[in-house]
């Protein structure tokens, strides 16, 4: 059970990092416009 939880957290962390990058990219493109 614990292993699955750790895997889930690492996966969500990766998703959050990607989400942050997407938001940053959107903010930059908006600023350029």
PDB file of N, CA and C in Angstrom:
ATOM      1  N   UNK A   1       0.838  -1.202   0.000  1.00  0.00           N
ATOM      2  CA  UNK A   1       0.000   0.000   0.000  1.00  0.00           C
ATOM      3  C   UNK A   1       0.872   1.251   0.000  1.00  0.00           C
ATOM      4  N   UNK A   2       1.873   1.262   0.864  1.00  0.00           N
ATOM      5  CA  UNK A   2       2.706   2.458   0.982  1.00  0.00           C
ATOM      6  C   UNK A   2       3.427   2.742  -0.336  1.00  0.00           C
ATOM      7  N   UNK A   3       3.932   1.670  -0.976  1.00  0.00           N
ATOM      8  CA  UNK A   3       4.645   1.871  -2.242  1.00  0.00           C
ATOM      9  C   UNK A   3       3.735   2.567  -3.252  1.00  0.00           C
ATOM     10  N   UNK A   4       2.493   2.106  -3.339  1.00  0.00           N
ATOM     11  CA  UNK A   4       1.558   2.699  -4.293  1.00  0.00           C
ATOM     12  C   UNK A   4       1.343   4.175  -3.970  1.00  0.00           C
ATOM     13  N   UNK A   5       1.231   4.500  -2.672  1.00  0.00           N
ATOM     14  CA  UNK A   5       1.036   5.894  -2.282  1.00  0.00           C
ATOM     15  C   UNK A   5       2.223   6.745  -2.714  1.00  0.00           C
ATOM     16  N   UNK A   6       3.438   6.245  -2.472  1.00  0.00           N
ATOM     17  CA  UNK A   6       4.629   7.003  -2.865  1.00  0.00           C
ATOM     18  C   UNK A   6       4.628   7.227  -4.367  1.00  0.00           C
ATOM     19  N   UNK A   7       4.297   6.179  -5.112  1.00  0.00           N
ATOM     20  CA  UNK A   7       4.274   6.290  -6.576  1.00  0.00           C
ATOM     21  C   UNK A   7       3.258   7.349  -6.996  1.00  0.00           C
ATOM     22  N   UNK A   8       2.086   7.329  -6.351  1.00  0.00           N
ATOM     23  CA  UNK A   8       1.032   8.294  -6.675  1.00  0.00           C
ATOM     24  C   UNK A   8       1.513   9.719  -6.416  1.00  0.00           C
ATOM     25  N   UNK A   9       2.183   9.932  -5.273  1.00  0.00           N
ATOM     26  CA  UNK A   9       2.647  11.280  -4.927  1.00  0.00           C
ATOM     27  C   UNK A   9       3.700  11.768  -5.902  1.00  0.00           C
ATOM     28  N   UNK A  10       4.634  10.893  -6.264  1.00  0.00           N
ATOM     29  CA  UNK A  10       5.678  11.308  -7.215  1.00  0.00           C
ATOM     30  C   UNK A  10       5.033  11.656  -8.555  1.00  0.00           C
ATOM     31  N   UNK A  11       4.006  10.890  -8.934  1.00  0.00           N
ATOM     32  CA  UNK A  11       3.325  11.142 -10.202  1.00  0.00           C
ATOM     33  C   UNK A  11       2.615  12.496 -10.151  1.00  0.00           C
ATOM     34  N   UNK A  12       1.888  12.754  -9.057  1.00  0.00           N
ATOM     35  CA  UNK A  12       1.155  14.025  -8.944  1.00  0.00           C
ATOM     36  C   UNK A  12       2.138  15.185  -8.898  1.00  0.00           C
ATOM     37  N   UNK A  13       3.297  14.972  -8.234  1.00  0.00           N
ATOM     38  CA  UNK A  13       4.307  16.038  -8.171  1.00  0.00           C
ATOM     39  C   UNK A  13       4.766  16.380  -9.578  1.00  0.00           C
ATOM     40  N   UNK A  14       4.988  15.349 -10.387  1.00  0.00           N
ATOM     41  CA  UNK A  14       5.437  15.567 -11.770  1.00  0.00           C
ATOM     42  C   UNK A  14       4.358  16.342 -12.532  1.00  0.00           C
ATOM     43  N   UNK A  15       3.099  15.942 -12.339  1.00  0.00           N
ATOM     44  CA  UNK A  15       1.991  16.624 -13.022  1.00  0.00           C
ATOM     45  C   UNK A  15       1.937  18.093 -12.617  1.00  0.00           C
ATOM     46  N   UNK A  16       2.137  18.363 -11.324  1.00  0.00           N
ATOM     47  CA  UNK A  16       2.093  19.745 -10.833  1.00  0.00           C
ATOM     48  C   UNK A  16       3.210  20.560 -11.471  1.00  0.00           C
ATOM     49  N   UNK A  17       4.405  19.973 -11.564  1.00  0.00           N
ATOM     50  CA  UNK A  17       5.530  20.697 -12.166  1.00  0.00           C
ATOM     51  C   UNK A  17       5.203  21.031 -13.613  1.00  0.00           C
ATOM     52  N   UNK A  18       4.630  20.072 -14.332  1.00  0.00           N
ATOM     53  CA  UNK A  18       4.275  20.306 -15.737  1.00  0.00           C
ATOM     54  C   UNK A  18       3.208  21.390 -15.824  1.00  0.00           C
ATOM     55  N   UNK A  19       2.253  21.363 -14.901  1.00  0.00           N
ATOM     56  CA  UNK A  19       1.191  22.362 -14.892  1.00  0.00           C
ATOM     57  C   UNK A  19       1.781  23.747 -14.679  1.00  0.00           C
ATOM     58  N   UNK A  20       2.721  23.859 -13.731  1.00  0.00           N
ATOM     59  CA  UNK A  20       3.356  25.143 -13.449  1.00  0.00           C
ATOM     60  C   UNK A  20       4.074  25.646 -14.687  1.00  0.00           C
ATOM     61  N   UNK A  21       4.762  24.749 -15.381  1.00  0.00           N
ATOM     62  CA  UNK A  21       5.482  25.140 -16.598  1.00  0.00           C
ATOM     63  C   UNK A  21       4.497  25.651 -17.640  1.00  0.00           C
ATOM     64  N   UNK A  22       3.365  24.972 -17.775  1.00  0.00           N
ATOM     65  CA  UNK A  22       2.345  25.389 -18.744  1.00  0.00           C
ATOM     66  C   UNK A  22       1.836  26.784 -18.405  1.00  0.00           C
ATOM     67  N   UNK A  23       1.554  27.019 -17.123  1.00  0.00           N
ATOM     68  CA  UNK A  23       1.044  28.328 -16.686  1.00  0.00           C
ATOM     69  C   UNK A  23       2.085  29.406 -16.969  1.00  0.00           C
ATOM     70  N   UNK A  24       3.350  29.102 -16.669  1.00  0.00           N
ATOM     71  CA  UNK A  24       4.420  30.074 -16.911  1.00  0.00           C
ATOM     72  C   UNK A  24       4.500  30.394 -18.398  1.00  0.00           C
ATOM     73  N   UNK A  25       4.409  29.366 -19.217  1.00  0.00           N
ATOM     74  CA  UNK A  25       4.478  29.546 -20.672  1.00  0.00           C
ATOM     75  C   UNK A  25       3.313  30.426 -21.149  1.00  0.00           C
ATOM     76  N   UNK A  26       2.114  30.148 -20.630  1.00  0.00           N
ATOM     77  CA  UNK A  26       0.937  30.938 -21.011  1.00  0.00           C
ATOM     78  C   UNK A  26       1.120  32.390 -20.590  1.00  0.00           C
ATOM     79  N   UNK A  27       1.611  32.602 -19.380  1.00  0.00           N
ATOM     80  CA  UNK A  27       1.813  33.967 -18.882  1.00  0.00           C
ATOM     81  C   UNK A  27       2.804  34.704 -19.772  1.00  0.00           C
ATOM     82  N   UNK A  28       3.878  34.012 -20.178  1.00  0.00           N
ATOM     83  CA  UNK A  28       4.894  34.642 -21.030  1.00  0.00           C
ATOM     84  C   UNK A  28       4.301  35.010 -22.386  1.00  0.00           C
ATOM     85  N   UNK A  29       3.557  34.100 -22.996  1.00  0.00           N
ATOM     86  CA  UNK A  29       2.967  34.369 -24.316  1.00  0.00           C
ATOM     87  C   UNK A  29       1.974  35.526 -24.207  1.00  0.00           C
ATOM     88  N   UNK A  30       1.249  35.598 -23.103  1.00  0.00           N
ATOM     89  CA  UNK A  30       0.294  36.694 -22.905  1.00  0.00           C
ATOM     90  C   UNK A  30       1.052  38.012 -22.779  1.00  0.00           C
ATOM     91  N   UNK A  31       2.178  37.971 -22.050  1.00  0.00           N
ATOM     92  CA  UNK A  31       2.975  39.178 -21.865  1.00  0.00           C
ATOM     93  C   UNK A  31       3.552  39.663 -23.184  1.00  0.00           C
ATOM     94  N   UNK A  32       3.941  38.713 -24.049  1.00  0.00           N
ATOM     95  CA  UNK A  32       4.523  39.079 -25.346  1.00  0.00           C
ATOM     96  C   UNK A  32       3.469  39.748 -26.217  1.00  0.00           C
ATOM     97  N   UNK A  33       2.211  39.292 -26.073  1.00  0.00           N
ATOM     98  CA  UNK A  33       1.131  39.886 -26.860  1.00  0.00           C
ATOM     99  C   UNK A  33       0.863  41.277 -26.321  1.00  0.00           C
TER     100      UNK A  33
END
